[in-house]
Protein backbone atom coordinates (compact mmCIF):
# COMPACT_ATOMS: atom_id res chain seq x y z
CA MET A 1 -2.76 22.56 19.39
CA LYS A 2 -5.98 20.58 19.03
CA THR A 3 -6.15 17.12 20.62
CA GLU A 4 -9.20 14.93 19.99
CA LEU A 5 -9.99 11.60 21.67
CA ILE A 6 -11.76 9.22 19.30
CA LYS A 7 -13.39 6.13 20.80
CA TYR A 8 -14.73 2.78 19.62
CA ASP A 9 -16.70 1.27 22.47
CA LYS A 10 -17.12 -2.24 21.03
CA ALA A 11 -13.37 -2.77 20.95
CA ASP A 12 -12.81 -0.91 24.21
CA GLY A 13 -10.36 1.22 22.29
CA ALA A 14 -9.57 4.85 21.67
CA TYR A 15 -6.92 6.96 20.04
CA TYR A 16 -5.78 10.56 20.13
CA LYS A 17 -5.69 12.70 17.00
CA ILE A 18 -3.30 15.58 17.54
CA ASP A 19 -3.09 18.53 15.15
CA HIS A 20 0.49 19.39 16.01
CA PRO A 21 1.56 23.05 15.53
CA SER A 22 4.25 21.91 13.08
CA GLY A 23 1.53 20.86 10.63
CA VAL A 24 2.02 17.11 11.09
CA THR A 25 -1.09 15.15 12.10
CA VAL A 26 -0.23 12.76 14.94
CA PHE A 27 -2.28 9.68 15.82
CA TYR A 28 -1.58 7.95 19.12
CA TYR A 29 -3.26 4.68 20.14
CA PRO A 30 -2.59 3.81 23.82
CA MET A 31 -1.96 0.12 24.48
CA PRO A 32 -1.68 -0.29 28.29
CA GLY A 33 0.44 -3.22 29.40
CA LYS A 34 1.93 -3.97 25.98
CA SER A 35 5.68 -4.55 25.89
CA LYS A 36 6.24 -3.33 22.33
CA SER A 37 5.60 0.05 20.77
CA ALA A 38 5.69 1.23 17.16
CA ALA A 39 5.84 4.47 15.24
CA MET A 40 5.41 5.19 11.55
CA ILE A 41 5.63 8.46 9.65
CA ALA A 42 4.26 8.55 6.12
CA THR A 43 3.85 10.87 3.18
CA LYS A 44 1.44 10.68 0.26
CA PHE A 45 4.29 10.34 -2.22
CA GLY A 46 4.66 7.18 -4.26
CA SER A 47 5.43 5.99 -7.76
CA ILE A 48 2.20 7.44 -9.23
CA ASN A 49 3.07 11.00 -8.16
CA ARG A 50 5.05 11.96 -11.26
CA THR A 51 3.64 15.31 -12.40
CA PHE A 52 2.80 18.06 -9.95
CA ARG A 53 2.80 21.79 -9.53
CA LYS A 54 6.03 22.96 -7.95
CA PHE A 55 5.32 24.87 -4.75
CA ASP A 56 2.87 27.76 -5.32
CA SER A 57 4.15 28.74 -8.75
CA ASP A 58 2.80 28.14 -12.23
CA GLU A 59 5.63 25.72 -12.97
CA TRP A 60 4.74 22.05 -13.34
CA MET A 61 7.35 19.41 -12.64
CA THR A 62 7.54 15.90 -14.12
CA VAL A 63 10.02 13.65 -12.35
CA PRO A 64 11.73 10.41 -13.44
CA ASP A 65 10.10 7.09 -12.62
CA GLY A 66 11.40 5.71 -9.32
CA ILE A 67 12.19 9.01 -7.62
CA ALA A 68 9.92 8.44 -4.59
CA HIS A 69 11.65 5.11 -3.91
CA PHE A 70 15.07 6.73 -4.47
CA LEU A 71 14.23 9.47 -1.97
CA GLU A 72 13.19 6.84 0.58
CA HIS A 73 16.64 5.26 0.32
CA LYS A 74 18.42 8.56 0.78
CA LEU A 75 16.49 9.66 3.87
CA PHE A 76 18.08 6.86 5.88
CA GLU A 77 21.43 8.56 5.38
CA GLY A 78 22.71 11.79 6.89
CA PRO A 79 26.05 13.53 7.35
CA GLN A 80 26.30 11.85 10.76
CA GLY A 81 25.86 8.34 9.31
CA SER A 82 23.10 5.82 8.72
CA ALA A 83 19.84 5.82 10.67
CA PHE A 84 20.33 2.09 11.25
CA ASP A 85 23.51 2.78 13.21
CA PHE A 86 21.52 4.95 15.62
CA TYR A 87 18.65 2.47 15.87
CA ALA A 88 21.17 -0.24 16.76
CA LYS A 89 21.95 1.70 19.93
CA THR A 90 18.29 1.81 21.01
CA GLY A 91 17.48 -1.76 19.98
CA ALA A 92 14.69 -0.73 17.63
CA LYS A 93 13.95 -2.65 14.44
CA ALA A 94 13.44 -0.12 11.66
CA ASN A 95 12.64 -0.09 7.97
CA ALA A 96 10.81 1.81 5.25
CA TYR A 97 8.90 1.15 2.06
CA THR A 98 7.56 2.93 -1.00
CA SER A 99 4.34 1.92 -2.69
CA ASN A 100 2.32 3.34 -5.55
CA ASP A 101 0.83 6.16 -3.50
CA LYS A 102 2.85 6.54 -0.29
CA THR A 103 6.22 6.24 1.43
CA ALA A 104 6.47 5.14 5.06
CA TYR A 105 9.27 4.97 7.64
CA TYR A 106 8.79 2.99 10.85
CA PHE A 107 10.30 1.22 13.81
CA VAL A 108 9.18 -1.29 16.45
CA THR A 109 10.82 -1.46 19.86
CA ALA A 110 10.46 -2.84 23.36
CA ASP A 111 12.58 -0.11 24.93
CA HIS A 112 13.95 3.40 24.38
CA PHE A 113 10.87 4.44 22.41
CA TYR A 114 11.30 8.21 22.72
CA GLU A 115 14.97 8.07 21.67
CA SER A 116 13.95 5.97 18.66
CA LEU A 117 11.21 8.45 17.80
CA GLU A 118 13.78 11.24 17.83
CA ILE A 119 15.91 9.25 15.37
CA LEU A 120 12.94 8.67 13.07
CA LEU A 121 11.92 12.34 12.98
CA ARG A 122 15.50 13.62 12.75
CA PHE A 123 16.28 11.66 9.60
CA VAL A 124 12.93 12.20 7.90
CA LYS A 125 13.01 15.95 8.54
CA ASN A 126 16.69 16.56 7.73
CA PRO A 127 17.44 15.44 4.17
CA TYR A 128 21.04 15.16 3.06
CA PHE A 129 21.54 14.87 -0.69
CA THR A 130 24.80 15.54 -2.52
CA LYS A 131 25.88 14.86 -6.08
CA GLU A 132 28.28 12.24 -4.77
CA ASN A 133 25.88 10.28 -2.56
CA VAL A 134 23.13 10.41 -5.22
CA GLU A 135 25.46 8.94 -7.85
CA LYS A 136 26.52 6.21 -5.41
CA GLU A 137 22.89 5.36 -4.67
CA LYS A 138 22.13 4.88 -8.37
CA GLY A 139 24.40 1.85 -8.38
CA ILE A 140 22.78 0.39 -5.26
CA ILE A 141 19.22 0.87 -6.51
CA GLY A 142 20.21 -0.32 -9.97
CA GLN A 143 21.22 -3.65 -8.44
CA GLU A 144 17.90 -3.82 -6.60
CA ILE A 145 16.02 -3.20 -9.86
CA LYS A 146 17.95 -5.97 -11.62
CA MET A 147 17.11 -8.33 -8.78
CA TYR A 148 13.39 -7.67 -9.27
CA GLU A 149 13.76 -8.13 -13.02
CA ASP A 150 14.64 -11.77 -12.22
CA ASP A 151 11.64 -12.19 -9.91
CA ALA A 152 8.88 -13.95 -11.86
CA SER A 153 6.16 -12.98 -9.38
CA TRP A 154 7.01 -9.29 -9.57
CA CYS A 155 7.36 -9.33 -13.36
CA GLY A 156 4.03 -11.12 -13.75
CA TYR A 157 2.32 -8.68 -11.40
CA LEU A 158 3.74 -5.65 -13.20
CA ALA A 159 2.69 -7.13 -16.57
CA LEU A 160 -0.86 -7.44 -15.19
CA THR A 161 -0.99 -3.76 -14.19
CA LYS A 162 0.15 -2.84 -17.71
CA ALA A 163 -2.58 -5.03 -19.18
CA LEU A 164 -5.25 -3.52 -16.96
CA TYR A 165 -4.21 0.13 -17.25
CA LYS A 166 -3.28 2.08 -20.36
CA GLN A 167 -2.43 5.45 -18.79
CA HIS A 168 -2.58 5.36 -14.99
CA PRO A 169 0.97 5.29 -13.53
CA ILE A 170 0.12 2.18 -11.48
CA ARG A 171 1.62 0.43 -14.51
CA ILE A 172 5.05 1.91 -13.73
CA ASP A 173 7.56 -0.02 -11.63
CA ILE A 174 7.84 1.55 -8.17
CA ALA A 175 11.65 1.56 -8.33
CA GLY A 176 11.72 2.83 -11.92
CA THR A 177 14.25 1.38 -14.32
CA THR A 178 18.03 1.47 -14.48
CA GLN A 179 17.59 4.08 -17.22
CA THR A 180 15.07 6.39 -15.51
CA ILE A 181 16.98 6.66 -12.23
CA GLN A 182 19.98 8.01 -14.12
CA GLY A 183 18.04 11.27 -14.55
CA ILE A 184 17.65 11.79 -10.79
CA THR A 185 19.75 14.60 -9.28
CA ASP A 186 20.26 15.98 -5.80
CA THR A 187 18.41 19.16 -6.80
CA MET A 188 15.45 17.13 -8.04
CA LEU A 189 15.33 15.16 -4.78
CA TYR A 190 15.26 18.38 -2.77
CA ASP A 191 12.45 19.74 -4.97
CA CYS A 192 10.34 16.62 -4.40
CA TYR A 193 11.17 16.61 -0.70
CA ARG A 194 10.07 20.22 -0.17
CA VAL A 195 6.71 19.48 -1.75
CA PHE A 196 5.78 16.00 -0.56
CA TYR A 197 7.59 15.98 2.78
CA ASN A 198 6.06 19.26 3.86
CA ASN A 199 4.56 18.72 7.31
CA SER A 200 1.03 19.19 6.01
CA ASN A 201 1.51 16.08 3.87
CA LEU A 202 2.89 13.94 6.71
CA SER A 203 1.07 11.74 9.21
CA LEU A 204 2.69 10.20 12.29
CA PHE A 205 1.15 7.02 13.73
CA ILE A 206 2.14 5.77 17.19
CA ALA A 207 0.93 2.80 19.24
CA GLY A 208 2.07 1.43 22.58
CA ASP A 209 2.07 1.88 26.34
CA LEU A 210 3.40 5.42 26.22
CA ASP A 211 3.08 8.90 27.70
CA ILE A 212 1.22 11.26 25.38
CA ASP A 213 2.92 14.30 26.90
CA LYS A 214 6.36 12.84 26.15
CA ILE A 215 5.27 12.06 22.58
CA ILE A 216 4.18 15.66 22.09
CA SER A 217 7.40 16.90 23.69
CA VAL A 218 9.51 14.92 21.19
CA CYS A 219 7.39 16.25 18.32
CA ASP A 220 7.79 19.80 19.65
CA GLU A 221 11.56 19.38 19.64
CA MET A 222 12.01 17.50 16.36
CA LEU A 223 9.30 18.91 14.06
CA PRO A 224 9.87 22.44 12.80
CA THR A 225 6.82 24.53 12.01
CA GLU A 226 6.29 24.78 8.24
CA LYS A 227 3.95 26.74 6.06
CA LYS A 228 1.38 24.48 4.44
CA ILE A 229 2.03 23.72 0.78
CA ARG A 230 -0.81 23.05 -1.60
CA ILE A 231 -0.01 20.25 -4.02
CA GLU A 232 -1.67 20.05 -7.40
CA GLN A 233 -1.16 16.87 -9.38
CA THR A 234 -2.10 15.34 -12.70
CA ILE A 235 -2.70 11.59 -12.62
CA PRO A 236 -4.08 10.24 -15.92
CA GLN A 237 -7.35 8.36 -15.57
CA ASP A 238 -8.30 5.21 -17.43
CA PRO A 239 -11.50 3.88 -19.00
CA GLU A 240 -13.36 1.17 -17.09
CA GLN A 241 -12.27 -1.55 -19.50
CA ALA A 242 -8.97 -3.41 -19.33
CA TYR A 243 -6.34 -2.20 -21.79
CA GLN A 244 -5.31 -5.70 -22.93
CA LYS A 245 -6.97 -9.07 -22.48
CA ARG A 246 -3.85 -11.21 -22.26
CA THR A 247 -0.10 -10.85 -21.99
CA GLU A 248 2.71 -13.32 -21.40
CA LEU A 249 6.44 -13.53 -20.89
CA ALA A 250 8.91 -16.39 -20.52
CA MET A 251 11.26 -16.73 -17.56
CA ASP A 252 13.51 -19.30 -15.98
CA ILE A 253 10.94 -20.89 -13.64
CA SER A 254 9.83 -24.48 -12.94
CA ARG A 255 6.07 -23.99 -13.40
CA PRO A 256 3.92 -21.33 -15.12
CA GLN A 257 2.48 -18.54 -12.98
CA PHE A 258 -0.66 -16.55 -13.66
CA PHE A 259 -1.99 -13.17 -12.57
CA ILE A 260 -5.61 -12.32 -13.29
CA GLY A 261 -7.12 -8.91 -12.61
CA ILE A 262 -10.55 -7.30 -12.63
CA LYS A 263 -10.39 -3.53 -12.88
CA ASP A 264 -12.55 -1.61 -10.40
CA PRO A 265 -13.80 1.78 -11.69
CA ALA A 266 -15.21 2.62 -8.24
CA ALA A 267 -11.62 3.00 -7.00
CA ASN A 268 -11.70 6.63 -8.17
CA SER A 269 -13.68 7.35 -4.99
CA LEU A 270 -12.53 4.53 -2.76
CA THR A 271 -13.82 4.19 0.81
CA PRO A 272 -13.09 1.64 3.55
CA ARG A 273 -16.64 0.31 3.12
CA HIS A 274 -16.25 -0.34 -0.60
CA GLU A 275 -12.87 -2.00 -0.11
CA ILE A 276 -14.30 -4.33 2.54
CA CYS A 277 -17.29 -5.18 0.34
CA VAL A 278 -14.98 -6.15 -2.53
CA LYS A 279 -12.78 -8.28 -0.28
CA LEU A 280 -15.79 -10.12 1.15
CA LEU A 281 -17.19 -10.63 -2.37
CA VAL A 282 -13.91 -12.13 -3.54
CA ASP A 283 -13.67 -14.40 -0.49
CA CYS A 284 -17.24 -15.63 -1.00
CA LEU A 285 -16.76 -16.41 -4.69
CA PHE A 286 -13.12 -17.49 -4.87
CA GLY A 287 -11.87 -18.20 -1.34
CA GLU A 288 -10.92 -21.60 0.02
CA ALA A 289 -14.54 -22.37 0.96
CA SER A 290 -15.89 -21.58 -2.52
CA ASP A 291 -17.06 -23.96 -5.24
CA PHE A 292 -14.52 -22.34 -7.58
CA TYR A 293 -11.61 -23.19 -5.30
CA ARG A 294 -12.75 -26.75 -4.64
CA GLU A 295 -13.39 -27.54 -8.31
CA THR A 296 -10.20 -26.01 -9.71
CA TYR A 297 -8.07 -27.48 -6.92
CA GLN A 298 -9.48 -30.97 -7.40
CA ALA A 299 -8.95 -30.67 -11.16
CA GLY A 300 -5.30 -29.77 -10.58
CA TRP A 301 -5.67 -26.34 -12.21
CA ILE A 302 -4.50 -24.54 -9.06
CA ASN A 303 -2.57 -25.53 -5.95
CA ALA A 304 -2.17 -24.24 -2.41
CA GLU A 305 -0.25 -21.21 -3.73
CA PHE A 306 -3.47 -19.72 -5.17
CA SER A 307 -4.57 -16.42 -3.66
CA ALA A 308 -7.35 -13.94 -4.31
CA GLY A 309 -7.43 -10.37 -3.04
CA TYR A 310 -7.85 -6.69 -3.77
CA GLU A 311 -5.26 -3.97 -4.42
CA SER A 312 -6.09 -0.28 -4.34
CA GLY A 313 -4.68 3.22 -4.11
CA VAL A 314 -5.26 6.74 -5.40
CA GLY A 315 -7.31 6.39 -8.57
CA PHE A 316 -6.82 2.65 -9.02
CA GLY A 317 -8.17 -0.62 -7.70
CA PHE A 318 -8.39 -4.17 -8.96
CA VAL A 319 -9.24 -7.66 -7.83
CA ILE A 320 -6.21 -9.89 -8.26
CA PHE A 321 -5.83 -13.66 -8.46
CA ASN A 322 -2.45 -15.32 -8.71
CA GLY A 323 -0.90 -18.75 -8.42
CA GLU A 324 0.84 -21.56 -10.26
CA SER A 325 -0.89 -23.52 -13.01
CA ASP A 326 -0.10 -25.56 -16.11
CA VAL A 327 -3.45 -24.37 -17.55
CA PRO A 328 -3.70 -20.66 -16.66
CA ASP A 329 -6.13 -19.95 -19.51
CA LYS A 330 -8.56 -22.51 -18.10
CA VAL A 331 -8.39 -20.78 -14.71
CA PHE A 332 -9.07 -17.46 -16.45
CA ASP A 333 -12.03 -18.90 -18.38
CA LYS A 334 -13.49 -20.34 -15.16
CA ILE A 335 -13.28 -16.96 -13.42
CA GLU A 336 -14.68 -15.20 -16.48
CA LYS A 337 -17.66 -17.59 -16.48
CA ILE A 338 -18.40 -16.74 -12.83
CA VAL A 339 -18.10 -13.04 -13.65
CA ASN A 340 -20.49 -13.30 -16.62
CA GLU A 341 -23.07 -15.38 -14.77
CA PHE A 342 -22.89 -13.73 -11.35
CA SER A 343 -26.16 -13.58 -9.42
CA GLU A 344 -27.36 -13.38 -5.83
CA ALA A 345 -27.61 -17.18 -5.74
CA ASP A 346 -23.82 -17.45 -6.06
CA ILE A 347 -23.30 -16.25 -2.49
CA ASP A 348 -24.38 -18.41 0.41
CA LYS A 349 -25.62 -16.30 3.32
CA ALA A 350 -24.10 -18.56 5.97
CA THR A 351 -20.71 -18.36 4.22
CA PHE A 352 -20.99 -14.57 3.98
CA LEU A 353 -21.78 -14.22 7.69
CA ARG A 354 -18.92 -16.52 8.66
CA LEU A 355 -16.43 -14.60 6.49
CA ARG A 356 -17.68 -11.24 7.73
CA ASN A 357 -17.26 -12.36 11.36
CA ALA A 358 -13.79 -13.74 10.60
CA TYR A 359 -12.76 -10.47 8.94
CA TYR A 360 -14.09 -8.55 11.94
CA GLY A 361 -12.06 -10.75 14.26
CA ASP A 362 -8.92 -10.21 12.19
CA MET A 363 -9.39 -6.44 12.33
CA LEU A 364 -9.79 -6.56 16.10
CA CYS A 365 -6.62 -8.66 16.36
CA ASN A 366 -4.78 -5.90 14.49
CA LEU A 367 -5.69 -3.59 17.36
CA ASP A 368 -3.67 -5.84 19.67
CA SER A 369 -0.34 -5.43 17.86
CA ALA A 370 1.45 -2.10 17.75
CA ALA A 371 3.20 -2.91 14.45
CA SER A 372 -0.02 -4.05 12.77
CA LEU A 373 -1.96 -1.12 14.18
CA VAL A 374 0.22 1.64 12.75
CA ASN A 375 0.11 -0.07 9.34
CA ARG A 376 -3.69 -0.29 9.40
CA PHE A 377 -3.92 3.32 10.53
CA LEU A 378 -1.90 4.40 7.52
CA HIS A 379 -3.92 2.23 5.13
CA PHE A 380 -7.30 3.58 6.17
CA ARG A 381 -5.93 7.12 6.47
CA GLN A 382 -5.20 6.90 2.73
CA LEU A 383 -8.92 6.12 2.25
CA ASP A 384 -9.94 9.15 4.35
CA GLY A 385 -10.96 6.88 7.22
CA ASP A 386 -9.45 5.13 10.22
CA VAL A 387 -9.47 1.69 11.85
CA PHE A 388 -12.67 2.52 13.72
CA SER A 389 -14.60 3.75 10.68
CA ALA A 390 -13.57 0.53 8.91
CA LEU A 391 -14.90 -1.56 11.80
CA ARG A 392 -18.17 0.37 11.84
CA ALA A 393 -18.49 -0.08 8.09
CA LEU A 394 -17.93 -3.82 8.43
CA GLU A 395 -20.61 -4.07 11.12
CA SER A 396 -23.20 -2.53 8.78
CA ILE A 397 -22.43 -4.58 5.65
CA GLU A 398 -25.18 -7.00 4.67
CA LEU A 399 -25.42 -9.69 2.03
CA SER A 400 -27.33 -7.28 -0.23
CA ASP A 401 -24.31 -4.93 -0.18
CA ILE A 402 -22.04 -7.72 -1.41
CA VAL A 403 -24.48 -8.66 -4.17
CA ARG A 404 -24.73 -5.05 -5.30
CA THR A 405 -20.93 -4.72 -5.29
CA GLY A 406 -20.69 -7.85 -7.43
CA ARG A 407 -23.19 -6.56 -9.98
CA GLU A 408 -21.36 -3.25 -10.27
CA LEU A 409 -17.82 -4.66 -10.34
CA LEU A 410 -17.88 -7.99 -12.16
CA LYS A 411 -17.63 -7.27 -15.90
CA ALA A 412 -15.70 -9.46 -18.34
CA ASP A 413 -14.34 -6.51 -20.32
CA ARG A 414 -12.51 -5.34 -17.18
CA MET A 415 -10.53 -8.59 -16.95
CA ALA A 416 -6.94 -9.26 -17.95
CA LEU A 417 -4.57 -12.24 -17.75
CA SER A 418 -0.80 -12.13 -17.30
CA VAL A 419 1.07 -15.42 -17.74
CA VAL A 420 4.70 -16.10 -16.86
CA LYS A 421 5.51 -19.27 -18.76
CA VAL A 422 8.52 -21.57 -18.48
CA LYS A 423 11.36 -20.54 -20.77
CA GLU A 424 11.97 -23.08 -23.51
CA GLY A 425 15.03 -25.25 -23.03
CA ARG A 426 15.00 -24.95 -19.26
């Protein structure tokens, strides 16, 4: 078993990377004196992973939309009961989530950490699917899907991904639809589990005031050694341009909502450095200190609900703006004008330095919370980095890097607008 200590002197921090004999990669960040600890185990299996080569054979498998999310639900349940019943005995707060490119299971606790870790690994590594419990789950998830179908923010966001992307499965709802989940079977869940929950595709992130030897001991007991499985996948790629310029739908809401996206072709080879550059660019041009924000807010085009950010994953990435507005097309036109006329003069150096320092401070603060830390570890792990490589990248970013990112990213033909308008007669 190889154990490597990785340091970051400026933050007085370090973590252990453990290549466990089971095949799982374990990351442990010691936090001396902290009262709370956290653990998260994650797999690179999300809604975009729809077509893959089954095991080491020549057979390709295409699964129904929503199966990664469905599998997440089922792994909290075993023949001995629900994982939450066991966590209740240790006092840990636990949950899980599925995104476009990953599924994660985690807990946070102030006590009984090692017992809680055993629960986490026991349920994740011992699937229990039957025809009966799969059919029952379809009804539960179907209700969850219907709930999101009434959520204007989610519907507007999903409509934006469909406007930006023509082929990439980012445009597919993470939970699938009430129709697609009907095709999910217990056998299919086991097939997906054996591929994507193979130990070589799992990472375990732990943070807290803990004993590394006890962590390894729990892993030794709970993680069976598995032969590494090579996963081949086909994920359709998109052109750089947005698929549609504008889309809209009507829902029972009190005020129109808008979602504006700028597709990022560089996301095909995403790094922590590029992601940080994009986020700083967006903050400089559209954040609360920007001319754009001040002018559109004073004009009443946006309100305090406005946000600007960046979303990314395997093979996709886009800048996203969303908020409430009675004139969403005017907001879009204003952003498009900035995109078309972007130049170095649009970014004030003092503002850039202030935002960079603030972002650096936020990242350091994340190192002070076990729950935040394991989440950031997972995020940067997906980008083939870690929290320290992200900090080092941020230290080296200059104004010229932001300007270059803007010139490469900001193109009007990559933009799309999704509007959720007020249903007539409301």
